[in-house]
Amino acid sequence: MMKPPFIWGVVIGAIVLLIVIFWTGWVMTSTTAEDKGKDMVKEALLENLVPICVEQYLQDPNKVERFAELKEKSSYQRDDYVEEIGWANMPGSESSVRGVADKCAKQIIELEG
């Protein structure tokens, strides 16, 4: 027969083990994994679409005037301006993907700034 201190040691050890493996990220719940996966997809999508937006800006025949207008806008209005101009719309699309205009505006300012 097992002694009570041994059983308590096993129980406490199991609890500590569970806390450690979840806290360190060795194991995660399905909800956490799903959220992490969605974040990774969003980042990958933006990583591929933002350069297209910047290229559309570079091909714009009025880019000098439009850059001056973009630079005059406050930082929180720049994404609206990029969407309004249409640089954030992917070829063949009527609207932009959420987040593309914001990152695109930042890259355009860095590129020309």
PDB file of N, CA and C in Angstrom:
ATOM      1  N   MET A   1       0.832  -1.175   0.000  1.00  0.00           N
ATOM      2  CA  MET A   1       0.000   0.000   0.000  1.00  0.00           C
ATOM      3  C   MET A   1       0.888   1.254   0.000  1.00  0.00           C
ATOM      4  N   MET A   2       0.457   2.286  -0.801  1.00  0.00           N
ATOM      5  CA  MET A   2       1.229   3.518  -0.894  1.00  0.00           C
ATOM      6  C   MET A   2       0.982   4.398   0.314  1.00  0.00           C
ATOM      7  N   LYS A   3       2.016   5.098   0.664  1.00  0.00           N
ATOM      8  CA  LYS A   3       1.914   5.990   1.804  1.00  0.00           C
ATOM      9  C   LYS A   3       1.304   7.327   1.366  1.00  0.00           C
ATOM     10  N   PRO A   4       0.514   7.986   2.220  1.00  0.00           N
ATOM     11  CA  PRO A   4      -0.137   9.255   1.872  1.00  0.00           C
ATOM     12  C   PRO A   4       0.827  10.351   1.406  1.00  0.00           C
ATOM     13  N   PRO A   5       2.015  10.523   1.994  1.00  0.00           N
ATOM     14  CA  PRO A   5       2.912  11.572   1.488  1.00  0.00           C
ATOM     15  C   PRO A   5       3.321  11.338   0.033  1.00  0.00           C
ATOM     16  N   PHE A   6       3.467  10.066  -0.345  1.00  0.00           N
ATOM     17  CA  PHE A   6       3.822   9.735  -1.720  1.00  0.00           C
ATOM     18  C   PHE A   6       2.704  10.175  -2.666  1.00  0.00           C
ATOM     19  N   ILE A   7       1.474   9.907  -2.316  1.00  0.00           N
ATOM     20  CA  ILE A   7       0.317  10.267  -3.155  1.00  0.00           C
ATOM     21  C   ILE A   7       0.233  11.787  -3.293  1.00  0.00           C
ATOM     22  N   TRP A   8       0.407  12.502  -2.182  1.00  0.00           N
ATOM     23  CA  TRP A   8       0.378  13.959  -2.245  1.00  0.00           C
ATOM     24  C   TRP A   8       1.519  14.490  -3.117  1.00  0.00           C
ATOM     25  N   GLY A   9       2.646  13.863  -3.072  1.00  0.00           N
ATOM     26  CA  GLY A   9       3.779  14.261  -3.912  1.00  0.00           C
ATOM     27  C   GLY A   9       3.467  14.090  -5.387  1.00  0.00           C
ATOM     28  N   VAL A  10       2.811  12.967  -5.718  1.00  0.00           N
ATOM     29  CA  VAL A  10       2.431  12.708  -7.109  1.00  0.00           C
ATOM     30  C   VAL A  10       1.412  13.742  -7.578  1.00  0.00           C
ATOM     31  N   VAL A  11       0.410  14.037  -6.759  1.00  0.00           N
ATOM     32  CA  VAL A  11      -0.637  14.993  -7.123  1.00  0.00           C
ATOM     33  C   VAL A  11      -0.038  16.393  -7.312  1.00  0.00           C
ATOM     34  N   ILE A  12       0.757  16.827  -6.355  1.00  0.00           N
ATOM     35  CA  ILE A  12       1.371  18.158  -6.443  1.00  0.00           C
ATOM     36  C   ILE A  12       2.330  18.225  -7.633  1.00  0.00           C
ATOM     37  N   GLY A  13       3.087  17.173  -7.854  1.00  0.00           N
ATOM     38  CA  GLY A  13       4.002  17.127  -9.000  1.00  0.00           C
ATOM     39  C   GLY A  13       3.263  17.213 -10.321  1.00  0.00           C
ATOM     40  N   ALA A  14       2.125  16.520 -10.426  1.00  0.00           N
ATOM     41  CA  ALA A  14       1.330  16.560 -11.659  1.00  0.00           C
ATOM     42  C   ALA A  14       0.783  17.962 -11.908  1.00  0.00           C
ATOM     43  N   ILE A  15       0.325  18.599 -10.857  1.00  0.00           N
ATOM     44  CA  ILE A  15      -0.207  19.967 -10.995  1.00  0.00           C
ATOM     45  C   ILE A  15       0.895  20.928 -11.416  1.00  0.00           C
ATOM     46  N   VAL A  16       2.034  20.827 -10.777  1.00  0.00           N
ATOM     47  CA  VAL A  16       3.164  21.699 -11.128  1.00  0.00           C
ATOM     48  C   VAL A  16       3.596  21.443 -12.566  1.00  0.00           C
ATOM     49  N   LEU A  17       3.636  20.181 -12.972  1.00  0.00           N
ATOM     50  CA  LEU A  17       4.013  19.833 -14.333  1.00  0.00           C
ATOM     51  C   LEU A  17       3.050  20.451 -15.342  1.00  0.00           C
ATOM     52  N   LEU A  18       1.753  20.355 -15.090  1.00  0.00           N
ATOM     53  CA  LEU A  18       0.766  20.951 -15.991  1.00  0.00           C
ATOM     54  C   LEU A  18       0.934  22.464 -16.084  1.00  0.00           C
ATOM     55  N   ILE A  19       1.146  23.099 -14.957  1.00  0.00           N
ATOM     56  CA  ILE A  19       1.345  24.548 -14.960  1.00  0.00           C
ATOM     57  C   ILE A  19       2.572  24.911 -15.789  1.00  0.00           C
ATOM     58  N   VAL A  20       3.662  24.195 -15.598  1.00  0.00           N
ATOM     59  CA  VAL A  20       4.909  24.495 -16.313  1.00  0.00           C
ATOM     60  C   VAL A  20       4.745  24.278 -17.811  1.00  0.00           C
ATOM     61  N   ILE A  21       4.159  23.174 -18.245  1.00  0.00           N
ATOM     62  CA  ILE A  21       4.077  22.911 -19.688  1.00  0.00           C
ATOM     63  C   ILE A  21       3.133  23.876 -20.393  1.00  0.00           C
ATOM     64  N   PHE A  22       2.063  24.326 -19.745  1.00  0.00           N
ATOM     65  CA  PHE A  22       1.186  25.302 -20.378  1.00  0.00           C
ATOM     66  C   PHE A  22       1.799  26.698 -20.344  1.00  0.00           C
ATOM     67  N   TRP A  23       2.451  27.056 -19.248  1.00  0.00           N
ATOM     68  CA  TRP A  23       3.052  28.379 -19.107  1.00  0.00           C
ATOM     69  C   TRP A  23       4.200  28.584 -20.077  1.00  0.00           C
ATOM     70  N   THR A  24       5.003  27.561 -20.300  1.00  0.00           N
ATOM     71  CA  THR A  24       6.149  27.677 -21.209  1.00  0.00           C
ATOM     72  C   THR A  24       5.750  27.551 -22.674  1.00  0.00           C
ATOM     73  N   GLY A  25       4.541  27.104 -22.947  1.00  0.00           N
ATOM     74  CA  GLY A  25       4.087  26.982 -24.325  1.00  0.00           C
ATOM     75  C   GLY A  25       4.391  25.644 -24.961  1.00  0.00           C
ATOM     76  N   TRP A  26       4.842  24.678 -24.160  1.00  0.00           N
ATOM     77  CA  TRP A  26       5.113  23.354 -24.720  1.00  0.00           C
ATOM     78  C   TRP A  26       3.826  22.694 -25.186  1.00  0.00           C
ATOM     79  N   VAL A  27       2.738  23.026 -24.537  1.00  0.00           N
ATOM     80  CA  VAL A  27       1.413  22.508 -24.889  1.00  0.00           C
ATOM     81  C   VAL A  27       0.473  23.694 -24.905  1.00  0.00           C
ATOM     82  N   MET A  28      -0.458  23.727 -25.845  1.00  0.00           N
ATOM     83  CA  MET A  28      -1.435  24.808 -25.862  1.00  0.00           C
ATOM     84  C   MET A  28      -2.813  24.265 -26.170  1.00  0.00           C
ATOM     85  N   THR A  29      -3.807  25.017 -25.785  1.00  0.00           N
ATOM     86  CA  THR A  29      -5.175  24.597 -26.034  1.00  0.00           C
ATOM     87  C   THR A  29      -5.486  24.784 -27.514  1.00  0.00           C
ATOM     88  N   SER A  30      -6.544  24.169 -27.970  1.00  0.00           N
ATOM     89  CA  SER A  30      -6.919  24.295 -29.386  1.00  0.00           C
ATOM     90  C   SER A  30      -7.310  25.729 -29.721  1.00  0.00           C
ATOM     91  N   THR A  31      -7.899  26.444 -28.790  1.00  0.00           N
ATOM     92  CA  THR A  31      -8.266  27.843 -29.029  1.00  0.00           C
ATOM     93  C   THR A  31      -7.021  28.700 -29.207  1.00  0.00           C
ATOM     94  N   THR A  32      -6.027  28.483 -28.366  1.00  0.00           N
ATOM     95  CA  THR A  32      -4.777  29.232 -28.482  1.00  0.00           C
ATOM     96  C   THR A  32      -4.090  28.912 -29.809  1.00  0.00           C
ATOM     97  N   ALA A  33      -4.090  27.649 -30.180  1.00  0.00           N
ATOM     98  CA  ALA A  33      -3.473  27.248 -31.444  1.00  0.00           C
ATOM     99  C   ALA A  33      -4.208  27.872 -32.634  1.00  0.00           C
ATOM    100  N   GLU A  34      -5.519  27.902 -32.557  1.00  0.00           N
ATOM    101  CA  GLU A  34      -6.306  28.504 -33.632  1.00  0.00           C
ATOM    102  C   GLU A  34      -6.031  30.004 -33.736  1.00  0.00           C
ATOM    103  N   ASP A  35      -5.989  30.687 -32.603  1.00  0.00           N
ATOM    104  CA  ASP A  35      -5.699  32.120 -32.599  1.00  0.00           C
ATOM    105  C   ASP A  35      -4.306  32.406 -33.152  1.00  0.00           C
ATOM    106  N   LYS A  36      -3.346  31.600 -32.738  1.00  0.00           N
ATOM    107  CA  LYS A  36      -1.976  31.763 -33.219  1.00  0.00           C
ATOM    108  C   LYS A  36      -1.908  31.516 -34.733  1.00  0.00           C
ATOM    109  N   GLY A  37      -2.631  30.517 -35.194  1.00  0.00           N
ATOM    110  CA  GLY A  37      -2.675  30.219 -36.626  1.00  0.00           C
ATOM    111  C   GLY A  37      -3.281  31.362 -37.428  1.00  0.00           C
ATOM    112  N   LYS A  38      -4.356  31.947 -36.917  1.00  0.00           N
ATOM    113  CA  LYS A  38      -4.979  33.091 -37.598  1.00  0.00           C
ATOM    114  C   LYS A  38      -4.029  34.281 -37.667  1.00  0.00           C
ATOM    115  N   ASP A  39      -3.303  34.524 -36.580  1.00  0.00           N
ATOM    116  CA  ASP A  39      -2.330  35.619 -36.576  1.00  0.00           C
ATOM    117  C   ASP A  39      -1.228  35.375 -37.600  1.00  0.00           C
ATOM    118  N   MET A  40      -0.780  34.133 -37.699  1.00  0.00           N
ATOM    119  CA  MET A  40       0.274  33.798 -38.656  1.00  0.00           C
ATOM    120  C   MET A  40      -0.215  33.980 -40.092  1.00  0.00           C
ATOM    121  N   VAL A  41      -1.454  33.584 -40.366  1.00  0.00           N
ATOM    122  CA  VAL A  41      -2.021  33.748 -41.709  1.00  0.00           C
ATOM    123  C   VAL A  41      -2.149  35.231 -42.046  1.00  0.00           C
ATOM    124  N   LYS A  42      -2.619  36.026 -41.087  1.00  0.00           N
ATOM    125  CA  LYS A  42      -2.776  37.465 -41.315  1.00  0.00           C
ATOM    126  C   LYS A  42      -1.431  38.110 -41.623  1.00  0.00           C
ATOM    127  N   GLU A  43      -0.408  37.768 -40.845  1.00  0.00           N
ATOM    128  CA  GLU A  43       0.925  38.328 -41.081  1.00  0.00           C
ATOM    129  C   GLU A  43       1.471  37.906 -42.446  1.00  0.00           C
ATOM    130  N   ALA A  44       1.282  36.642 -42.808  1.00  0.00           N
ATOM    131  CA  ALA A  44       1.768  36.159 -44.104  1.00  0.00           C
ATOM    132  C   ALA A  44       1.040  36.870 -45.246  1.00  0.00           C
ATOM    133  N   LEU A  45      -0.255  37.080 -45.080  1.00  0.00           N
ATOM    134  CA  LEU A  45      -1.036  37.761 -46.098  1.00  0.00           C
ATOM    135  C   LEU A  45      -0.559  39.197 -46.272  1.00  0.00           C
ATOM    136  N   LEU A  46      -0.374  39.898 -45.152  1.00  0.00           N
ATOM    137  CA  LEU A  46       0.105  41.275 -45.225  1.00  0.00           C
ATOM    138  C   LEU A  46       1.511  41.344 -45.813  1.00  0.00           C
ATOM    139  N   GLU A  47       2.340  40.398 -45.444  1.00  0.00           N
ATOM    140  CA  GLU A  47       3.708  40.354 -45.944  1.00  0.00           C
ATOM    141  C   GLU A  47       3.742  40.239 -47.469  1.00  0.00           C
ATOM    142  N   ASN A  48       2.742  39.579 -48.037  1.00  0.00           N
ATOM    143  CA  ASN A  48       2.695  39.404 -49.486  1.00  0.00           C
ATOM    144  C   ASN A  48       1.928  40.500 -50.210  1.00  0.00           C
ATOM    145  N   LEU A  49       0.963  41.131 -49.554  1.00  0.00           N
ATOM    146  CA  LEU A  49       0.144  42.134 -50.228  1.00  0.00           C
ATOM    147  C   LEU A  49       0.690  43.555 -50.120  1.00  0.00           C
ATOM    148  N   VAL A  50       1.360  43.873 -49.036  1.00  0.00           N
ATOM    149  CA  VAL A  50       1.878  45.232 -48.853  1.00  0.00           C
ATOM    150  C   VAL A  50       2.874  45.609 -49.957  1.00  0.00           C
ATOM    151  N   PRO A  51       3.788  44.734 -50.366  1.00  0.00           N
ATOM    152  CA  PRO A  51       4.691  45.114 -51.468  1.00  0.00           C
ATOM    153  C   PRO A  51       3.942  45.429 -52.775  1.00  0.00           C
ATOM    154  N   ILE A  52       2.810  44.778 -53.007  1.00  0.00           N
ATOM    155  CA  ILE A  52       2.009  45.075 -54.197  1.00  0.00           C
ATOM    156  C   ILE A  52       1.438  46.487 -54.086  1.00  0.00           C
ATOM    157  N   CYS A  53       0.973  46.829 -52.902  1.00  0.00           N
ATOM    158  CA  CYS A  53       0.454  48.170 -52.652  1.00  0.00           C
ATOM    159  C   CYS A  53       1.543  49.218 -52.893  1.00  0.00           C
ATOM    160  N   VAL A  54       2.720  48.986 -52.361  1.00  0.00           N
ATOM    161  CA  VAL A  54       3.833  49.927 -52.535  1.00  0.00           C
ATOM    162  C   VAL A  54       4.194  50.036 -54.019  1.00  0.00           C
ATOM    163  N   GLU A  55       4.190  48.919 -54.715  1.00  0.00           N
ATOM    164  CA  GLU A  55       4.500  48.940 -56.152  1.00  0.00           C
ATOM    165  C   GLU A  55       3.445  49.732 -56.922  1.00  0.00           C
ATOM    166  N   GLN A  56       2.187  49.622 -56.527  1.00  0.00           N
ATOM    167  CA  GLN A  56       1.133  50.398 -57.188  1.00  0.00           C
ATOM    168  C   GLN A  56       1.344  51.897 -56.946  1.00  0.00           C
ATOM    169  N   TYR A  57       1.819  52.230 -55.763  1.00  0.00           N
ATOM    170  CA  TYR A  57       2.176  53.628 -55.488  1.00  0.00           C
ATOM    171  C   TYR A  57       3.309  54.065 -56.416  1.00  0.00           C
ATOM    172  N   LEU A  58       4.344  53.236 -56.546  1.00  0.00           N
ATOM    173  CA  LEU A  58       5.502  53.587 -57.371  1.00  0.00           C
ATOM    174  C   LEU A  58       5.133  53.751 -58.843  1.00  0.00           C
ATOM    175  N   GLN A  59       4.113  53.037 -59.299  1.00  0.00           N
ATOM    176  CA  GLN A  59       3.676  53.113 -60.697  1.00  0.00           C
ATOM    177  C   GLN A  59       2.690  54.260 -60.946  1.00  0.00           C
ATOM    178  N   ASP A  60       2.223  54.902 -59.898  1.00  0.00           N
ATOM    179  CA  ASP A  60       1.246  55.984 -60.020  1.00  0.00           C
ATOM    180  C   ASP A  60       1.901  57.195 -60.694  1.00  0.00           C
ATOM    181  N   PRO A  61       1.335  57.662 -61.815  1.00  0.00           N
ATOM    182  CA  PRO A  61       1.930  58.817 -62.490  1.00  0.00           C
ATOM    183  C   PRO A  61       1.857  60.109 -61.653  1.00  0.00           C
ATOM    184  N   ASN A  62       0.966  60.173 -60.687  1.00  0.00           N
ATOM    185  CA  ASN A  62       0.820  61.346 -59.822  1.00  0.00           C
ATOM    186  C   ASN A  62       1.424  61.125 -58.440  1.00  0.00           C
ATOM    187  N   LYS A  63       2.382  60.212 -58.352  1.00  0.00           N
ATOM    188  CA  LYS A  63       2.891  59.827 -57.033  1.00  0.00           C
ATOM    189  C   LYS A  63       3.541  60.980 -56.269  1.00  0.00           C
ATOM    190  N   VAL A  64       4.163  61.923 -56.947  1.00  0.00           N
ATOM    191  CA  VAL A  64       4.827  63.028 -56.253  1.00  0.00           C
ATOM    192  C   VAL A  64       3.791  63.883 -55.518  1.00  0.00           C
ATOM    193  N   GLU A  65       2.734  64.260 -56.235  1.00  0.00           N
ATOM    194  CA  GLU A  65       1.681  65.074 -55.613  1.00  0.00           C
ATOM    195  C   GLU A  65       0.960  64.283 -54.518  1.00  0.00           C
ATOM    196  N   ARG A  66       0.684  63.035 -54.819  1.00  0.00           N
ATOM    197  CA  ARG A  66      -0.046  62.212 -53.848  1.00  0.00           C
ATOM    198  C   ARG A  66       0.796  61.903 -52.610  1.00  0.00           C
ATOM    199  N   PHE A  67       2.109  61.771 -52.780  1.00  0.00           N
ATOM    200  CA  PHE A  67       2.965  61.568 -51.613  1.00  0.00           C
ATOM    201  C   PHE A  67       2.929  62.799 -50.719  1.00  0.00           C
ATOM    202  N   ALA A  68       2.951  63.978 -51.338  1.00  0.00           N
ATOM    203  CA  ALA A  68       2.886  65.222 -50.557  1.00  0.00           C
ATOM    204  C   ALA A  68       1.571  65.270 -49.772  1.00  0.00           C
ATOM    205  N   GLU A  69       0.477  64.870 -50.415  1.00  0.00           N
ATOM    206  CA  GLU A  69      -0.819  64.835 -49.727  1.00  0.00           C
ATOM    207  C   GLU A  69      -0.815  63.802 -48.604  1.00  0.00           C
ATOM    208  N   LEU A  70      -0.231  62.639 -48.879  1.00  0.00           N
ATOM    209  CA  LEU A  70      -0.160  61.581 -47.862  1.00  0.00           C
ATOM    210  C   LEU A  70       0.643  62.057 -46.654  1.00  0.00           C
ATOM    211  N   LYS A  71       1.737  62.715 -46.909  1.00  0.00           N
ATOM    212  CA  LYS A  71       2.602  63.176 -45.824  1.00  0.00           C
ATOM    213  C   LYS A  71       1.913  64.244 -44.965  1.00  0.00           C
ATOM    214  N   GLU A  72       1.027  65.031 -45.570  1.00  0.00           N
ATOM    215  CA  GLU A  72       0.291  66.059 -44.827  1.00  0.00           C
ATOM    216  C   GLU A  72      -0.748  65.452 -43.878  1.00  0.00           C
ATOM    217  N   LYS A  73      -1.205  64.256 -44.189  1.00  0.00           N
ATOM    218  CA  LYS A  73      -2.227  63.600 -43.363  1.00  0.00           C
ATOM    219  C   LYS A  73      -1.620  63.177 -42.026  1.00  0.00           C
ATOM    220  N   SER A  74      -2.470  63.120 -41.013  1.00  0.00           N
ATOM    221  CA  SER A  74      -2.011  62.591 -39.730  1.00  0.00           C
ATOM    222  C   SER A  74      -1.829  61.087 -39.872  1.00  0.00           C
ATOM    223  N   SER A  75      -1.054  60.490 -39.000  1.00  0.00           N
ATOM    224  CA  SER A  75      -0.714  59.068 -39.128  1.00  0.00           C
ATOM    225  C   SER A  75      -1.951  58.173 -39.129  1.00  0.00           C
ATOM    226  N   TYR A  76      -2.994  58.564 -38.413  1.00  0.00           N
ATOM    227  CA  TYR A  76      -4.184  57.715 -38.372  1.00  0.00           C
ATOM    228  C   TYR A  76      -5.108  57.933 -39.569  1.00  0.00           C
ATOM    229  N   GLN A  77      -4.829  58.929 -40.402  1.00  0.00           N
ATOM    230  CA  GLN A  77      -5.631  59.173 -41.608  1.00  0.00           C
ATOM    231  C   GLN A  77      -4.970  58.624 -42.869  1.00  0.00           C
ATOM    232  N   ARG A  78      -3.718  58.255 -42.757  1.00  0.00           N
ATOM    233  CA  ARG A  78      -2.967  57.836 -43.947  1.00  0.00           C
ATOM    234  C   ARG A  78      -3.516  56.562 -44.570  1.00  0.00           C
ATOM    235  N   ASP A  79      -3.935  55.616 -43.746  1.00  0.00           N
ATOM    236  CA  ASP A  79      -4.475  54.376 -44.315  1.00  0.00           C
ATOM    237  C   ASP A  79      -5.750  54.644 -45.102  1.00  0.00           C
ATOM    238  N   ASP A  80      -6.586  55.556 -44.624  1.00  0.00           N
ATOM    239  CA  ASP A  80      -7.806  55.918 -45.366  1.00  0.00           C
ATOM    240  C   ASP A  80      -7.447  56.540 -46.711  1.00  0.00           C
ATOM    241  N   TYR A  81      -6.420  57.358 -46.727  1.00  0.00           N
ATOM    242  CA  TYR A  81      -5.989  58.000 -47.971  1.00  0.00           C
ATOM    243  C   TYR A  81      -5.472  56.953 -48.962  1.00  0.00           C
ATOM    244  N   VAL A  82      -4.670  56.020 -48.485  1.00  0.00           N
ATOM    245  CA  VAL A  82      -4.134  54.970 -49.362  1.00  0.00           C
ATOM    246  C   VAL A  82      -5.275  54.129 -49.937  1.00  0.00           C
ATOM    247  N   GLU A  83      -6.277  53.844 -49.122  1.00  0.00           N
ATOM    248  CA  GLU A  83      -7.447  53.103 -49.624  1.00  0.00           C
ATOM    249  C   GLU A  83      -8.226  53.935 -50.630  1.00  0.00           C
ATOM    250  N   GLU A  84      -8.407  55.214 -50.336  1.00  0.00           N
ATOM    251  CA  GLU A  84      -9.155  56.118 -51.213  1.00  0.00           C
ATOM    252  C   GLU A  84      -8.506  56.211 -52.589  1.00  0.00           C
ATOM    253  N   ILE A  85      -7.187  56.328 -52.620  1.00  0.00           N
ATOM    254  CA  ILE A  85      -6.451  56.411 -53.884  1.00  0.00           C
ATOM    255  C   ILE A  85      -6.557  55.091 -54.651  1.00  0.00           C
ATOM    256  N   GLY A  86      -6.606  53.967 -53.916  1.00  0.00           N
ATOM    257  CA  GLY A  86      -6.736  52.663 -54.554  1.00  0.00           C
ATOM    258  C   GLY A  86      -5.464  51.838 -54.568  1.00  0.00           C
ATOM    259  N   TRP A  87      -4.396  52.365 -53.969  1.00  0.00           N
ATOM    260  CA  TRP A  87      -3.150  51.605 -53.957  1.00  0.00           C
ATOM    261  C   TRP A  87      -3.279  50.299 -53.190  1.00  0.00           C
ATOM    262  N   ALA A  88      -4.110  50.273 -52.162  1.00  0.00           N
ATOM    263  CA  ALA A  88      -4.241  49.079 -51.317  1.00  0.00           C
ATOM    264  C   ALA A  88      -5.143  48.017 -51.939  1.00  0.00           C
ATOM    265  N   ASN A  89      -5.873  48.375 -52.993  1.00  0.00           N
ATOM    266  CA  ASN A  89      -6.727  47.392 -53.669  1.00  0.00           C
ATOM    267  C   ASN A  89      -5.866  46.523 -54.573  1.00  0.00           C
ATOM    268  N   MET A  90      -6.001  45.244 -54.407  1.00  0.00           N
ATOM    269  CA  MET A  90      -5.240  44.324 -55.231  1.00  0.00           C
ATOM    270  C   MET A  90      -5.848  44.290 -56.635  1.00  0.00           C
ATOM    271  N   PRO A  91      -5.026  44.071 -57.651  1.00  0.00           N
ATOM    272  CA  PRO A  91      -5.552  44.033 -59.019  1.00  0.00           C
ATOM    273  C   PRO A  91      -6.733  43.066 -59.130  1.00  0.00           C
ATOM    274  N   GLY A  92      -7.811  43.564 -59.704  1.00  0.00           N
ATOM    275  CA  GLY A  92      -9.023  42.754 -59.868  1.00  0.00           C
ATOM    276  C   GLY A  92      -9.943  42.770 -58.670  1.00  0.00           C
ATOM    277  N   SER A  93      -9.596  43.536 -57.644  1.00  0.00           N
ATOM    278  CA  SER A  93     -10.395  43.585 -56.424  1.00  0.00           C
ATOM    279  C   SER A  93     -11.033  44.960 -56.270  1.00  0.00           C
ATOM    280  N   GLU A  94     -12.226  44.985 -55.700  1.00  0.00           N
ATOM    281  CA  GLU A  94     -12.943  46.239 -55.483  1.00  0.00           C
ATOM    282  C   GLU A  94     -12.538  46.934 -54.181  1.00  0.00           C
ATOM    283  N   SER A  95     -12.035  46.155 -53.224  1.00  0.00           N
ATOM    284  CA  SER A  95     -11.675  46.733 -51.926  1.00  0.00           C
ATOM    285  C   SER A  95     -10.365  46.129 -51.447  1.00  0.00           C
ATOM    286  N   SER A  96      -9.837  46.729 -50.388  1.00  0.00           N
ATOM    287  CA  SER A  96      -8.551  46.262 -49.873  1.00  0.00           C
ATOM    288  C   SER A  96      -8.739  45.274 -48.730  1.00  0.00           C
ATOM    289  N   VAL A  97      -7.703  44.519 -48.478  1.00  0.00           N
ATOM    290  CA  VAL A  97      -7.672  43.599 -47.339  1.00  0.00           C
ATOM    291  C   VAL A  97      -7.340  44.418 -46.105  1.00  0.00           C
ATOM    292  N   ARG A  98      -8.019  44.128 -45.023  1.00  0.00           N
ATOM    293  CA  ARG A  98      -7.841  44.882 -43.788  1.00  0.00           C
ATOM    294  C   ARG A  98      -6.374  44.847 -43.333  1.00  0.00           C
ATOM    295  N   GLY A  99      -5.833  46.001 -43.057  1.00  0.00           N
ATOM    296  CA  GLY A  99      -4.467  46.100 -42.557  1.00  0.00           C
ATOM    297  C   GLY A  99      -3.442  46.440 -43.624  1.00  0.00           C
ATOM    298  N   VAL A 100      -3.767  46.201 -44.891  1.00  0.00           N
ATOM    299  CA  VAL A 100      -2.809  46.451 -45.967  1.00  0.00           C
ATOM    300  C   VAL A 100      -2.535  47.946 -46.104  1.00  0.00           C
ATOM    301  N   ALA A 101      -3.574  48.761 -46.091  1.00  0.00           N
ATOM    302  CA  ALA A 101      -3.411  50.200 -46.295  1.00  0.00           C
ATOM    303  C   ALA A 101      -2.548  50.827 -45.202  1.00  0.00           C
ATOM    304  N   ASP A 102      -2.739  50.408 -43.976  1.00  0.00           N
ATOM    305  CA  ASP A 102      -1.966  50.965 -42.868  1.00  0.00           C
ATOM    306  C   ASP A 102      -0.478  50.665 -43.026  1.00  0.00           C
ATOM    307  N   LYS A 103      -0.163  49.395 -43.255  1.00  0.00           N
ATOM    308  CA  LYS A 103       1.256  49.015 -43.412  1.00  0.00           C
ATOM    309  C   LYS A 103       1.852  49.613 -44.684  1.00  0.00           C
ATOM    310  N   CYS A 104       1.036  49.698 -45.716  1.00  0.00           N
ATOM    311  CA  CYS A 104       1.495  50.274 -46.981  1.00  0.00           C
ATOM    312  C   CYS A 104       1.843  51.748 -46.791  1.00  0.00           C
ATOM    313  N   ALA A 105       0.976  52.486 -46.121  1.00  0.00           N
ATOM    314  CA  ALA A 105       1.224  53.912 -45.876  1.00  0.00           C
ATOM    315  C   ALA A 105       2.518  54.104 -45.104  1.00  0.00           C
ATOM    316  N   LYS A 106       2.734  53.265 -44.106  1.00  0.00           N
ATOM    317  CA  LYS A 106       3.965  53.364 -43.313  1.00  0.00           C
ATOM    318  C   LYS A 106       5.190  53.100 -44.175  1.00  0.00           C
ATOM    319  N   GLN A 107       5.108  52.095 -45.053  1.00  0.00           N
ATOM    320  CA  GLN A 107       6.266  51.779 -45.896  1.00  0.00           C
ATOM    321  C   GLN A 107       6.523  52.865 -46.940  1.00  0.00           C
ATOM    322  N   ILE A 108       5.455  53.455 -47.453  1.00  0.00           N
ATOM    323  CA  ILE A 108       5.630  54.539 -48.436  1.00  0.00           C
ATOM    324  C   ILE A 108       6.315  55.734 -47.781  1.00  0.00           C
ATOM    325  N   ILE A 109       5.885  56.085 -46.571  1.00  0.00           N
ATOM    326  CA  ILE A 109       6.500  57.202 -45.846  1.00  0.00           C
ATOM    327  C   ILE A 109       7.974  56.909 -45.575  1.00  0.00           C
ATOM    328  N   GLU A 110       8.286  55.673 -45.174  1.00  0.00           N
ATOM    329  CA  GLU A 110       9.688  55.295 -44.929  1.00  0.00           C
ATOM    330  C   GLU A 110      10.506  55.316 -46.225  1.00  0.00           C
ATOM    331  N   LEU A 111       9.884  54.858 -47.311  1.00  0.00           N
ATOM    332  CA  LEU A 111      10.556  54.774 -48.612  1.00  0.00           C
ATOM    333  C   LEU A 111      10.932  56.154 -49.127  1.00  0.00           C
ATOM    334  N   GLU A 112       9.987  57.068 -49.036  1.00  0.00           N
ATOM    335  CA  GLU A 112      10.204  58.401 -49.601  1.00  0.00           C
ATOM    336  C   GLU A 112      10.713  59.402 -48.570  1.00  0.00           C
ATOM    337  N   GLY A 113      10.576  59.042 -47.284  1.00  0.00           N
ATOM    338  CA  GLY A 113      10.954  59.975 -46.230  1.00  0.00           C
ATOM    339  C   GLY A 113      12.411  60.036 -46.052  1.00  0.00           C
TER     340      GLY A 113
END
